[in-house]
C-alpha atoms as a PDB file:
ATOM      1  CA  MET A   1     -85.312 -18.224 -25.268  1.00  0.00           C
ATOM      2  CA  GLU A   2     -83.046 -17.006 -28.054  1.00  0.00           C
ATOM      3  CA  ASP A   3     -81.029 -15.005 -25.496  1.00  0.00           C
ATOM      4  CA  ASP A   4     -80.418 -18.164 -23.464  1.00  0.00           C
ATOM      5  CA  VAL A   5     -79.196 -20.006 -26.571  1.00  0.00           C
ATOM      6  CA  GLU A   6     -76.838 -17.145 -27.486  1.00  0.00           C
ATOM      7  CA  MET A   7     -75.483 -16.999 -23.889  1.00  0.00           C
ATOM      8  CA  ALA A   8     -74.918 -20.751 -23.929  1.00  0.00           C
ATOM      9  CA  ALA A   9     -73.048 -20.456 -27.247  1.00  0.00           C
ATOM     10  CA  VAL A  10     -70.854 -17.614 -25.911  1.00  0.00           C
ATOM     11  CA  GLU A  11     -70.079 -19.592 -22.726  1.00  0.00           C
ATOM     12  CA  ALA A  12     -69.236 -22.650 -24.787  1.00  0.00           C
ATOM     13  CA  GLU A  13     -66.837 -20.605 -26.963  1.00  0.00           C
ATOM     14  CA  ALA A  14     -65.259 -19.016 -23.882  1.00  0.00           C
ATOM     15  CA  GLY A  15     -65.037 -22.400 -22.226  1.00  0.00           C
ATOM     16  CA  ASP A  16     -63.312 -23.920 -25.238  1.00  0.00           C
ATOM     17  CA  GLY A  17     -60.887 -20.976 -25.657  1.00  0.00           C
ATOM     18  CA  ALA A  18     -60.027 -20.536 -21.969  1.00  0.00           C
ATOM     19  CA  PRO A  19     -58.120 -23.818 -21.516  1.00  0.00           C
ATOM     20  CA  LEU A  20     -56.111 -23.106 -24.677  1.00  0.00           C
ATOM     21  CA  GLU A  21     -55.198 -19.603 -23.492  1.00  0.00           C
ATOM     22  CA  LEU A  22     -54.355 -20.891 -19.995  1.00  0.00           C
ATOM     23  CA  ASP A  23     -52.130 -23.650 -21.397  1.00  0.00           C
ATOM     24  CA  ASP A  24     -50.470 -21.125 -23.693  1.00  0.00           C
ATOM     25  CA  MET A  25     -49.807 -18.753 -20.775  1.00  0.00           C
ATOM     26  CA  LYS A  26     -48.436 -21.604 -18.615  1.00  0.00           C
ATOM     27  CA  LYS A  27     -46.156 -22.601 -21.468  1.00  0.00           C
ATOM     28  CA  ARG A  28     -44.851 -19.002 -21.873  1.00  0.00           C
ATOM     29  CA  LEU A  29     -44.365 -18.667 -18.112  1.00  0.00           C
ATOM     30  CA  LYS A  30     -42.323 -21.896 -18.056  1.00  0.00           C
ATOM     31  CA  GLU A  31     -40.159 -20.616 -20.931  1.00  0.00           C
ATOM     32  CA  MET A  32     -39.557 -17.311 -19.118  1.00  0.00           C
ATOM     33  CA  GLU A  33     -38.598 -19.118 -15.898  1.00  0.00           C
ATOM     34  CA  ASP A  34     -36.163 -21.351 -17.800  1.00  0.00           C
ATOM     35  CA  GLU A  35     -34.646 -18.301 -19.496  1.00  0.00           C
ATOM     36  CA  ALA A  36     -34.279 -16.470 -16.160  1.00  0.00           C
ATOM     37  CA  ALA A  37     -32.585 -19.516 -14.607  1.00  0.00           C
ATOM     38  CA  ALA A  38     -30.177 -19.745 -17.547  1.00  0.00           C
ATOM     39  CA  LEU A  39     -29.362 -16.022 -17.223  1.00  0.00           C
ATOM     40  CA  ARG A  40     -28.715 -16.384 -13.472  1.00  0.00           C
ATOM     41  CA  GLU A  41     -26.426 -19.340 -14.137  1.00  0.00           C
ATOM     42  CA  MET A  42     -24.482 -17.415 -16.801  1.00  0.00           C
ATOM     43  CA  GLN A  43     -24.144 -14.380 -14.515  1.00  0.00           C
ATOM     44  CA  ALA A  44     -22.868 -16.527 -11.633  1.00  0.00           C
ATOM     45  CA  LYS A  45     -20.350 -18.139 -13.977  1.00  0.00           C
ATOM     46  CA  VAL A  46     -19.071 -14.766 -15.244  1.00  0.00           C
ATOM     47  CA  GLU A  47     -18.826 -13.343 -11.712  1.00  0.00           C
ATOM     48  CA  LYS A  48     -16.938 -16.429 -10.591  1.00  0.00           C
ATOM     49  CA  GLU A  49     -14.485 -16.068 -13.475  1.00  0.00           C
ATOM     50  CA  MET A  50     -13.948 -12.371 -12.760  1.00  0.00           C
ATOM     51  CA  GLY A  51     -13.510 -13.016  -9.038  1.00  0.00           C
ATOM     52  CA  ALA A  52     -16.263 -10.543  -8.242  1.00  0.00           C
ATOM     53  CA  VAL A  53     -18.088 -13.013  -6.008  1.00  0.00           C
ATOM     54  CA  GLN A  54     -16.586 -12.476  -2.589  1.00  0.00           C
ATOM     55  CA  ASP A  55     -18.732 -12.834   0.459  1.00  0.00           C
ATOM     56  CA  PRO A  56     -17.992 -10.609   3.477  1.00  0.00           C
ATOM     57  CA  ALA A  57     -16.797 -13.571   5.554  1.00  0.00           C
ATOM     58  CA  ALA A  58     -14.147 -14.464   2.957  1.00  0.00           C
ATOM     59  CA  ALA A  59     -13.095 -10.802   2.694  1.00  0.00           C
ATOM     60  CA  ALA A  60     -12.728 -10.570   6.487  1.00  0.00           C
ATOM     61  CA  ALA A  61     -10.749 -13.829   6.545  1.00  0.00           C
ATOM     62  CA  SER A  62      -8.381 -12.620   3.824  1.00  0.00           C
ATOM     63  CA  GLN A  63      -7.918  -9.292   5.660  1.00  0.00           C
ATOM     64  CA  ALA A  64      -7.126 -11.157   8.905  1.00  0.00           C
ATOM     65  CA  ASN A  65      -4.664 -13.373   7.028  1.00  0.00           C
ATOM     66  CA  LYS A  66      -3.016 -10.293   5.496  1.00  0.00           C
ATOM     67  CA  GLU A  67      -2.662  -8.680   8.944  1.00  0.00           C
ATOM     68  CA  GLU A  68      -1.101 -11.875  10.306  1.00  0.00           C
ATOM     69  CA  VAL A  69       1.452 -11.973   7.450  1.00  0.00           C
ATOM     70  CA  ASP A  70       2.225  -8.255   7.891  1.00  0.00           C
ATOM     71  CA  SER A  71       2.881  -8.785  11.605  1.00  0.00           C
ATOM     72  CA  ARG A  72       5.699 -11.168  10.572  1.00  0.00           C
ATOM     73  CA  SER A  73       7.158  -8.769   7.969  1.00  0.00           C
ATOM     74  CA  VAL A  74       9.463  -5.735   7.925  1.00  0.00           C
ATOM     75  CA  PHE A  75       9.887  -2.853   5.502  1.00  0.00           C
ATOM     76  CA  VAL A  76      13.462  -2.280   4.323  1.00  0.00           C
ATOM     77  CA  GLY A  77      14.197   1.122   2.772  1.00  0.00           C
ATOM     78  CA  ASN A  78      17.273   2.548   0.994  1.00  0.00           C
ATOM     79  CA  VAL A  79      18.045  -0.800  -0.653  1.00  0.00           C
ATOM     80  CA  ASP A  80      20.742  -0.607  -3.343  1.00  0.00           C
ATOM     81  CA  TYR A  81      19.326  -1.004  -6.862  1.00  0.00           C
ATOM     82  CA  ALA A  82      21.892  -3.722  -7.663  1.00  0.00           C
ATOM     83  CA  CYS A  83      20.878  -5.757  -4.592  1.00  0.00           C
ATOM     84  CA  THR A  84      19.309  -9.191  -5.203  1.00  0.00           C
ATOM     85  CA  PRO A  85      16.653 -10.884  -3.030  1.00  0.00           C
ATOM     86  CA  GLU A  86      19.220 -13.543  -2.069  1.00  0.00           C
ATOM     87  CA  GLU A  87      21.583 -10.881  -0.666  1.00  0.00           C
ATOM     88  CA  VAL A  88      18.765  -9.301   1.351  1.00  0.00           C
ATOM     89  CA  GLN A  89      17.814 -12.754   2.640  1.00  0.00           C
ATOM     90  CA  GLN A  90      21.407 -13.449   3.734  1.00  0.00           C
ATOM     91  CA  HIS A  91      21.539 -10.064   5.484  1.00  0.00           C
ATOM     92  CA  PHE A  92      18.436 -10.882   7.575  1.00  0.00           C
ATOM     93  CA  GLN A  93      19.200 -14.621   8.003  1.00  0.00           C
ATOM     94  CA  SER A  94      20.583 -14.067  11.528  1.00  0.00           C
ATOM     95  CA  CYS A  95      17.206 -12.697  12.732  1.00  0.00           C
ATOM     96  CA  GLY A  96      15.188 -15.812  11.917  1.00  0.00           C
ATOM     97  CA  THR A  97      13.898 -17.969   9.084  1.00  0.00           C
ATOM     98  CA  VAL A  98      13.171 -15.785   6.072  1.00  0.00           C
ATOM     99  CA  ASN A  99      10.045 -16.946   4.259  1.00  0.00           C
ATOM    100  CA  ARG A 100      10.035 -14.452   1.372  1.00  0.00           C
ATOM    101  CA  VAL A 101      11.872 -11.347   0.143  1.00  0.00           C
ATOM    102  CA  THR A 102      10.028  -8.924  -2.164  1.00  0.00           C
ATOM    103  CA  ILE A 103      11.972  -6.136  -3.864  1.00  0.00           C
ATOM    104  CA  ARG A 104       9.445  -3.710  -5.347  1.00  0.00           C
ATOM    105  CA  THR A 105       9.912  -2.652  -8.975  1.00  0.00           C
ATOM    106  CA  ASN A 106       8.287  -0.099 -11.276  1.00  0.00           C
ATOM    107  CA  LYS A 107       6.385  -0.964 -14.463  1.00  0.00           C
ATOM    108  CA  PHE A 108       9.677  -1.196 -16.397  1.00  0.00           C
ATOM    109  CA  GLY A 109      11.127  -3.757 -13.952  1.00  0.00           C
ATOM    110  CA  GLN A 110      13.584  -1.326 -12.349  1.00  0.00           C
ATOM    111  CA  PRO A 111      13.935  -1.627  -8.536  1.00  0.00           C
ATOM    112  CA  LYS A 112      12.310   1.165  -6.524  1.00  0.00           C
ATOM    113  CA  GLY A 113      14.876   1.018  -3.718  1.00  0.00           C
ATOM    114  CA  TYR A 114      12.858  -0.737  -1.008  1.00  0.00           C
ATOM    115  CA  ALA A 115      11.891  -4.279  -0.102  1.00  0.00           C
ATOM    116  CA  TYR A 116       9.713  -6.353   2.224  1.00  0.00           C
ATOM    117  CA  VAL A 117      11.077  -9.282   4.217  1.00  0.00           C
ATOM    118  CA  GLU A 118       8.613 -11.856   5.564  1.00  0.00           C
ATOM    119  CA  PHE A 119       9.692 -14.189   8.365  1.00  0.00           C
ATOM    120  CA  LEU A 120       8.195 -17.464   9.576  1.00  0.00           C
ATOM    121  CA  GLU A 121       8.315 -16.378  13.242  1.00  0.00           C
ATOM    122  CA  GLN A 122       6.843 -13.203  14.685  1.00  0.00           C
ATOM    123  CA  GLU A 123       9.779 -12.797  17.108  1.00  0.00           C
ATOM    124  CA  ALA A 124      12.172 -12.387  14.156  1.00  0.00           C
ATOM    125  CA  VAL A 125      10.647  -8.950  13.446  1.00  0.00           C
ATOM    126  CA  GLN A 126      12.068  -7.551  16.708  1.00  0.00           C
ATOM    127  CA  GLU A 127      15.494  -8.961  15.809  1.00  0.00           C
ATOM    128  CA  ALA A 128      15.266  -7.466  12.316  1.00  0.00           C
ATOM    129  CA  LEU A 129      14.433  -4.019  13.725  1.00  0.00           C
ATOM    130  CA  LEU A 130      17.829  -4.103  15.467  1.00  0.00           C
ATOM    131  CA  LEU A 131      19.437  -4.146  11.987  1.00  0.00           C
ATOM    132  CA  ASN A 132      18.136  -0.618  11.336  1.00  0.00           C
ATOM    133  CA  GLU A 133      20.962   1.551   9.879  1.00  0.00           C
ATOM    134  CA  SER A 134      23.067  -1.538   9.153  1.00  0.00           C
ATOM    135  CA  GLU A 135      24.987  -1.482   5.857  1.00  0.00           C
ATOM    136  CA  LEU A 136      24.320  -3.531   2.728  1.00  0.00           C
ATOM    137  CA  HIS A 137      26.192  -2.714  -0.505  1.00  0.00           C
ATOM    138  CA  GLY A 138      27.557   0.388   1.213  1.00  0.00           C
ATOM    139  CA  ARG A 139      24.110   1.851   1.957  1.00  0.00           C
ATOM    140  CA  GLN A 140      22.453   2.270   5.368  1.00  0.00           C
ATOM    141  CA  LEU A 141      19.208   0.315   5.472  1.00  0.00           C
ATOM    142  CA  LYS A 142      16.076   1.763   7.061  1.00  0.00           C
ATOM    143  CA  VAL A 143      14.225  -1.116   8.740  1.00  0.00           C
ATOM    144  CA  SER A 144      10.743  -0.694  10.224  1.00  0.00           C
ATOM    145  CA  ALA A 145       7.755  -2.909  10.957  1.00  0.00           C
ATOM    146  CA  LYS A 146       5.463  -3.357   7.962  1.00  0.00           C
ATOM    147  CA  ARG A 147       2.099  -1.638   8.319  1.00  0.00           C
ATOM    148  CA  THR A 148      -1.135  -3.165   7.023  1.00  0.00           C
ATOM    149  CA  ASN A 149      -2.960  -1.231   4.345  1.00  0.00           C
ATOM    150  CA  ILE A 150      -6.690  -0.930   5.022  1.00  0.00           C
ATOM    151  CA  PRO A 151      -8.735  -1.234   1.805  1.00  0.00           C
ATOM    152  CA  GLY A 152     -10.557   1.960   0.929  1.00  0.00           C
ATOM    153  CA  MET A 153      -8.393   4.127   3.194  1.00  0.00           C
ATOM    154  CA  LYS A 154      -6.249   6.141   0.809  1.00  0.00           C
ATOM    155  CA  GLN A 155      -3.794   8.512   2.360  1.00  0.00           C
ATOM    156  CA  PHE A 156      -4.373  12.076   1.179  1.00  0.00           C
ATOM    157  CA  ARG A 157      -1.358  13.697  -0.396  1.00  0.00           C
ATOM    158  CA  PRO A 158      -1.800  17.354  -1.379  1.00  0.00           C
ATOM    159  CA  ARG A 159      -0.481  18.284  -4.795  1.00  0.00           C
ATOM    160  CA  ARG A 160       2.772  20.152  -4.655  1.00  0.00           C
ATOM    161  CA  SER A 161       3.187  23.141  -6.886  1.00  0.00           C
ATOM    162  CA  ASN A 162       5.830  22.832  -9.565  1.00  0.00           C
ATOM    163  CA  PRO A 163       8.178  25.857  -9.443  1.00  0.00           C
ATOM    164  CA  TYR A 164       8.980  25.406 -13.149  1.00  0.00           C
ATOM    165  CA  MET A 165       5.364  25.625 -14.337  1.00  0.00           C
ATOM    166  CA  GLY A 166       4.819  29.243 -13.342  1.00  0.00           C
ATOM    167  CA  PHE A 167       1.714  30.632 -11.671  1.00  0.00           C
ATOM    168  CA  ARG A 168      -1.303  28.773 -12.995  1.00  0.00           C
ATOM    169  CA  GLY A 169      -3.832  29.549 -10.296  1.00  0.00           C
ATOM    170  CA  ARG A 170      -6.292  32.399 -10.050  1.00  0.00           C
ATOM    171  CA  ALA A 171      -4.903  35.891 -10.461  1.00  0.00           C
ATOM    172  CA  PRO A 172      -4.103  37.583  -7.157  1.00  0.00           C
ATOM    173  CA  PHE A 173      -6.749  39.954  -5.828  1.00  0.00           C
ATOM    174  CA  MET A 174      -6.195  43.381  -7.344  1.00  0.00           C
ATOM    175  CA  GLY A 175      -8.980  45.454  -5.877  1.00  0.00           C
ATOM    176  CA  PRO A 176     -12.194  45.870  -7.866  1.00  0.00           C
ATOM    177  CA  PHE A 177     -10.541  44.595 -11.091  1.00  0.00           C
ATOM    178  CA  MET A 178     -10.252  40.885 -11.798  1.00  0.00           C
ATOM    179  CA  TYR A 179      -7.364  41.278 -14.253  1.00  0.00           C
ATOM    180  CA  PRO A 180      -4.079  43.146 -13.957  1.00  0.00           C
ATOM    181  CA  PRO A 181      -4.091  46.530 -15.696  1.00  0.00           C
ATOM    182  CA  TYR A 182      -2.549  46.632 -19.162  1.00  0.00           C
ATOM    183  CA  GLY A 183       0.300  48.964 -20.000  1.00  0.00           C
ATOM    184  CA  TYR A 184      -0.154  52.185 -21.964  1.00  0.00           C
ATOM    185  CA  GLY A 185      -1.080  51.527 -25.582  1.00  0.00           C
ATOM    186  CA  LYS A 186      -1.409  47.760 -25.124  1.00  0.00           C
ATOM    187  CA  VAL A 187      -4.735  46.312 -26.173  1.00  0.00           C
ATOM    188  CA  PRO A 188      -5.492  42.693 -25.245  1.00  0.00           C
ATOM    189  CA  ARG A 189      -6.458  40.498 -28.163  1.00  0.00           C
ATOM    190  CA  PHE A 190      -8.773  38.370 -26.059  1.00  0.00           C
ATOM    191  CA  ARG A 191     -10.292  39.102 -22.705  1.00  0.00           C
ATOM    192  CA  ALA A 192     -12.531  36.614 -20.951  1.00  0.00           C
ATOM    193  CA  PRO A 193     -15.950  38.025 -20.049  1.00  0.00           C
ATOM    194  CA  MET A 194     -16.352  39.148 -16.455  1.00  0.00           C
ATOM    195  CA  ARG A 195     -18.350  36.663 -14.452  1.00  0.00           C
ATOM    196  CA  TYR A 196     -19.913  37.260 -11.085  1.00  0.00           C
ATOM    197  CA  SER A 197     -17.891  35.490  -8.424  1.00  0.00           C
ATOM    198  CA  PRO A 198     -18.840  36.193  -4.808  1.00  0.00           C
ATOM    199  CA  TYR A 199     -15.678  34.440  -3.507  1.00  0.00           C
ATOM    200  CA  PHE A 200     -12.200  35.267  -4.673  1.00  0.00           C
END
């Protein structure tokens, strides 16, 4: 009989405490969900500001647009440094309607010696290619169709050795010795420890 009374008391305490704990947990869960939603909203806002949000469809559309613009453009090399965009535009005016002339410059604002000419019509590119080796400011221009750069495809350029830097590579193979022999009476101040190297 006493056991039944104690069990009833324990159940009553558990019954009274359970709704409070459940409400408390629901309240905490709601707060966490609100916090997560606020974080997602802030992240979306930051990504939008940084321009990081770019869906694949938009990227493909921008790439297609770039290719279309490049098909209406030509590369002009050996442009005189004193040449202005207006002079380049006048030179190519006979080919078709020039939409834009871009003379590339370095970080100091000095011209690099080449330019891009964009036309409104695609047929003007063929006319512009006929002006290859024509003269502007006493220099022969090199005109070619502009190629489209593919993102992520970097052209490999091997490093050229500088003849003024001396030999900085590995010492040439000299038989069983890794280092060239020292002259009579010469003692090296420092000699790197010999390391096992299966490939020379």
